């Protein structure tokens, strides 16, 4: 598996790794069921921190591009090709944009939206006035 990480680029290293693995799946150089290097091995090969590769693998597993089979290793998910076309970040953005428009339509200020968002992200109850 050939991957080249640009340490001088603007894109985070883990994001570059995610995109390149997705690209290898889409161009079929990584077939469903193919074994991937361990986190430690890939980090060593790319001269990256283990945590960087672990974060990329975690996101790829969340998106069902790869799957970890315990001590047997990490493999390309059987549905990886179809799952590569799903853009979770775009979906999240669309959901938030729609919610913000609804809140603005109800007369909520941007400041109130920001405070409520921060509270929701930290599981804090809205403050009573």
C-alpha atoms as a PDB file:
ATOM      1  CA  UNK A   1       0.000   0.000   0.000  1.00  0.00           C
ATOM      2  CA  UNK A   2       1.628   3.199  -1.178  1.00  0.00           C
ATOM      3  CA  UNK A   3       0.835   6.280   0.899  1.00  0.00           C
ATOM      4  CA  UNK A   4       2.619   9.621   0.866  1.00  0.00           C
ATOM      5  CA  UNK A   5       2.001  12.087   3.690  1.00  0.00           C
ATOM      6  CA  UNK A   6       2.835  15.758   3.211  1.00  0.00           C
ATOM      7  CA  UNK A   7       4.022  17.015   6.587  1.00  0.00           C
ATOM      8  CA  UNK A   8       4.221  20.566   5.193  1.00  0.00           C
ATOM      9  CA  UNK A   9       0.628  20.586   3.901  1.00  0.00           C
ATOM     10  CA  UNK A  10      -2.299  22.402   5.459  1.00  0.00           C
ATOM     11  CA  UNK A  11      -4.397  19.270   5.829  1.00  0.00           C
ATOM     12  CA  UNK A  12      -3.940  17.393   9.141  1.00  0.00           C
ATOM     13  CA  UNK A  13      -1.824  14.256   8.849  1.00  0.00           C
ATOM     14  CA  UNK A  14      -4.610  11.952  10.042  1.00  0.00           C
ATOM     15  CA  UNK A  15      -6.979  13.461   7.429  1.00  0.00           C
ATOM     16  CA  UNK A  16      -4.423  12.877   4.674  1.00  0.00           C
ATOM     17  CA  UNK A  17      -4.126   9.262   5.770  1.00  0.00           C
ATOM     18  CA  UNK A  18      -7.914   8.802   5.828  1.00  0.00           C
ATOM     19  CA  UNK A  19      -8.284  10.286   2.341  1.00  0.00           C
ATOM     20  CA  UNK A  20      -5.467   8.232   0.886  1.00  0.00           C
ATOM     21  CA  UNK A  21      -6.812   4.961   2.277  1.00  0.00           C
ATOM     22  CA  UNK A  22     -10.270   5.840   0.924  1.00  0.00           C
ATOM     23  CA  UNK A  23      -8.678   6.596  -2.457  1.00  0.00           C
ATOM     24  CA  UNK A  24      -6.886   3.222  -2.454  1.00  0.00           C
ATOM     25  CA  UNK A  25     -10.227   1.523  -1.746  1.00  0.00           C
ATOM     26  CA  UNK A  26     -11.984   3.445  -4.542  1.00  0.00           C
ATOM     27  CA  UNK A  27      -9.258   2.727  -7.098  1.00  0.00           C
ATOM     28  CA  UNK A  28      -9.387  -0.918  -5.960  1.00  0.00           C
ATOM     29  CA  UNK A  29      -5.731  -1.140  -4.995  1.00  0.00           C
ATOM     30  CA  UNK A  30      -7.156  -2.081  -1.568  1.00  0.00           C
ATOM     31  CA  UNK A  31      -9.849  -4.701  -2.051  1.00  0.00           C
ATOM     32  CA  UNK A  32     -12.528  -5.598   0.511  1.00  0.00           C
ATOM     33  CA  UNK A  33     -11.032  -8.065   2.971  1.00  0.00           C
ATOM     34  CA  UNK A  34      -7.446  -6.938   2.337  1.00  0.00           C
ATOM     35  CA  UNK A  35      -5.267  -6.738   5.430  1.00  0.00           C
ATOM     36  CA  UNK A  36      -3.893  -3.377   6.518  1.00  0.00           C
ATOM     37  CA  UNK A  37      -0.688  -2.797   8.453  1.00  0.00           C
ATOM     38  CA  UNK A  38      -0.961  -2.482  12.212  1.00  0.00           C
ATOM     39  CA  UNK A  39      -1.107   1.014  13.655  1.00  0.00           C
ATOM     40  CA  UNK A  40       2.445   0.680  14.911  1.00  0.00           C
ATOM     41  CA  UNK A  41       3.758  -0.652  11.599  1.00  0.00           C
ATOM     42  CA  UNK A  42       2.074   2.036   9.483  1.00  0.00           C
ATOM     43  CA  UNK A  43       3.203   4.784  11.855  1.00  0.00           C
ATOM     44  CA  UNK A  44       6.744   3.469  11.614  1.00  0.00           C
ATOM     45  CA  UNK A  45       6.599   3.186   7.800  1.00  0.00           C
ATOM     46  CA  UNK A  46       5.247   6.742   7.414  1.00  0.00           C
ATOM     47  CA  UNK A  47       7.329   8.180  10.267  1.00  0.00           C
ATOM     48  CA  UNK A  48       4.183   9.352  12.062  1.00  0.00           C
ATOM     49  CA  UNK A  49       3.098   9.257  15.674  1.00  0.00           C
ATOM     50  CA  UNK A  50       1.107   6.123  16.588  1.00  0.00           C
ATOM     51  CA  UNK A  51      -1.731   8.361  17.806  1.00  0.00           C
ATOM     52  CA  UNK A  52      -2.021   9.987  14.367  1.00  0.00           C
ATOM     53  CA  UNK A  53      -2.478   6.630  12.665  1.00  0.00           C
ATOM     54  CA  UNK A  54      -4.781   5.426  15.453  1.00  0.00           C
ATOM     55  CA  UNK A  55      -7.029   8.470  14.938  1.00  0.00           C
ATOM     56  CA  UNK A  56      -7.176   7.829  11.188  1.00  0.00           C
ATOM     57  CA  UNK A  57      -8.003   4.157  11.754  1.00  0.00           C
ATOM     58  CA  UNK A  58     -10.674   5.106  14.304  1.00  0.00           C
ATOM     59  CA  UNK A  59     -12.375   7.416  11.792  1.00  0.00           C
ATOM     60  CA  UNK A  60     -12.104   4.834   9.012  1.00  0.00           C
ATOM     61  CA  UNK A  61     -13.619   2.198  11.283  1.00  0.00           C
ATOM     62  CA  UNK A  62     -16.437   4.568  12.297  1.00  0.00           C
ATOM     63  CA  UNK A  63     -17.205   5.117   8.606  1.00  0.00           C
ATOM     64  CA  UNK A  64     -17.021   1.360   7.960  1.00  0.00           C
ATOM     65  CA  UNK A  65     -14.115   1.632   5.545  1.00  0.00           C
ATOM     66  CA  UNK A  66     -12.022  -0.708   7.668  1.00  0.00           C
ATOM     67  CA  UNK A  67     -12.787  -3.183  10.423  1.00  0.00           C
ATOM     68  CA  UNK A  68     -10.672  -4.463  13.253  1.00  0.00           C
ATOM     69  CA  UNK A  69     -10.894  -8.137  14.055  1.00  0.00           C
ATOM     70  CA  UNK A  70      -9.328  -8.219  17.493  1.00  0.00           C
ATOM     71  CA  UNK A  71      -5.817  -9.636  17.503  1.00  0.00           C
ATOM     72  CA  UNK A  72      -6.159 -10.906  13.921  1.00  0.00           C
ATOM     73  CA  UNK A  73      -5.650  -7.409  12.532  1.00  0.00           C
ATOM     74  CA  UNK A  74      -7.337  -4.669  10.569  1.00  0.00           C
ATOM     75  CA  UNK A  75      -8.983  -5.295   7.214  1.00  0.00           C
ATOM     76  CA  UNK A  76     -10.839  -3.406   4.504  1.00  0.00           C
ATOM     77  CA  UNK A  77     -14.569  -3.570   5.281  1.00  0.00           C
ATOM     78  CA  UNK A  78     -16.708  -5.622   2.843  1.00  0.00           C
ATOM     79  CA  UNK A  79     -18.830  -2.508   2.097  1.00  0.00           C
ATOM     80  CA  UNK A  80     -15.885  -0.105   1.979  1.00  0.00           C
ATOM     81  CA  UNK A  81     -16.346   0.984  -1.645  1.00  0.00           C
ATOM     82  CA  UNK A  82     -19.945   2.097  -1.064  1.00  0.00           C
ATOM     83  CA  UNK A  83     -19.068   3.661   2.282  1.00  0.00           C
ATOM     84  CA  UNK A  84     -16.243   5.752   0.771  1.00  0.00           C
ATOM     85  CA  UNK A  85     -18.797   7.853  -1.085  1.00  0.00           C
ATOM     86  CA  UNK A  86     -20.568   8.948   2.104  1.00  0.00           C
ATOM     87  CA  UNK A  87     -19.349  12.344   3.286  1.00  0.00           C
ATOM     88  CA  UNK A  88     -20.201  12.509   6.977  1.00  0.00           C
ATOM     89  CA  UNK A  89     -18.700  15.990   7.373  1.00  0.00           C
ATOM     90  CA  UNK A  90     -20.950  17.373   4.617  1.00  0.00           C
ATOM     91  CA  UNK A  91     -23.996  15.731   6.200  1.00  0.00           C
ATOM     92  CA  UNK A  92     -23.162  17.190   9.624  1.00  0.00           C
ATOM     93  CA  UNK A  93     -22.691  20.635   8.077  1.00  0.00           C
ATOM     94  CA  UNK A  94     -26.041  20.401   6.289  1.00  0.00           C
ATOM     95  CA  UNK A  95     -27.815  19.334   9.485  1.00  0.00           C
ATOM     96  CA  UNK A  96     -26.292  22.172  11.494  1.00  0.00           C
ATOM     97  CA  UNK A  97     -26.985  24.749   8.768  1.00  0.00           C
ATOM     98  CA  UNK A  98     -30.642  23.682   8.642  1.00  0.00           C
ATOM     99  CA  UNK A  99     -30.979  23.866  12.429  1.00  0.00           C
ATOM    100  CA  UNK A 100     -29.323  27.299  12.552  1.00  0.00           C
ATOM    101  CA  UNK A 101     -31.709  28.641   9.910  1.00  0.00           C
ATOM    102  CA  UNK A 102     -34.669  27.299  11.904  1.00  0.00           C
ATOM    103  CA  UNK A 103     -33.374  28.928  15.090  1.00  0.00           C
ATOM    104  CA  UNK A 104     -32.710  32.246  13.343  1.00  0.00           C
ATOM    105  CA  UNK A 105     -36.195  32.082  11.854  1.00  0.00           C
ATOM    106  CA  UNK A 106     -37.554  31.814  15.393  1.00  0.00           C
ATOM    107  CA  UNK A 107     -35.675  34.991  16.343  1.00  0.00           C
ATOM    108  CA  UNK A 108     -32.749  33.440  18.191  1.00  0.00           C
ATOM    109  CA  UNK A 109     -29.540  35.478  18.051  1.00  0.00           C
ATOM    110  CA  UNK A 110     -26.226  34.006  16.904  1.00  0.00           C
ATOM    111  CA  UNK A 111     -24.859  34.542  20.408  1.00  0.00           C
ATOM    112  CA  UNK A 112     -27.722  32.529  21.928  1.00  0.00           C
ATOM    113  CA  UNK A 113     -27.145  29.782  19.350  1.00  0.00           C
ATOM    114  CA  UNK A 114     -23.412  29.631  20.152  1.00  0.00           C
ATOM    115  CA  UNK A 115     -24.060  29.423  23.902  1.00  0.00           C
ATOM    116  CA  UNK A 116     -26.707  26.735  23.463  1.00  0.00           C
ATOM    117  CA  UNK A 117     -24.431  24.784  21.111  1.00  0.00           C
ATOM    118  CA  UNK A 118     -21.550  24.885  23.604  1.00  0.00           C
ATOM    119  CA  UNK A 119     -23.890  23.820  26.399  1.00  0.00           C
ATOM    120  CA  UNK A 120     -25.243  20.951  24.300  1.00  0.00           C
ATOM    121  CA  UNK A 121     -21.733  19.813  23.326  1.00  0.00           C
ATOM    122  CA  UNK A 122     -20.767  19.676  27.014  1.00  0.00           C
ATOM    123  CA  UNK A 123     -24.079  18.123  28.116  1.00  0.00           C
ATOM    124  CA  UNK A 124     -24.933  21.112  30.272  1.00  0.00           C
ATOM    125  CA  UNK A 125     -28.504  22.103  30.953  1.00  0.00           C
ATOM    126  CA  UNK A 126     -29.690  25.407  29.480  1.00  0.00           C
ATOM    127  CA  UNK A 127     -29.565  28.182  32.056  1.00  0.00           C
ATOM    128  CA  UNK A 128     -32.894  29.327  33.401  1.00  0.00           C
ATOM    129  CA  UNK A 129     -33.542  33.086  33.172  1.00  0.00           C
END
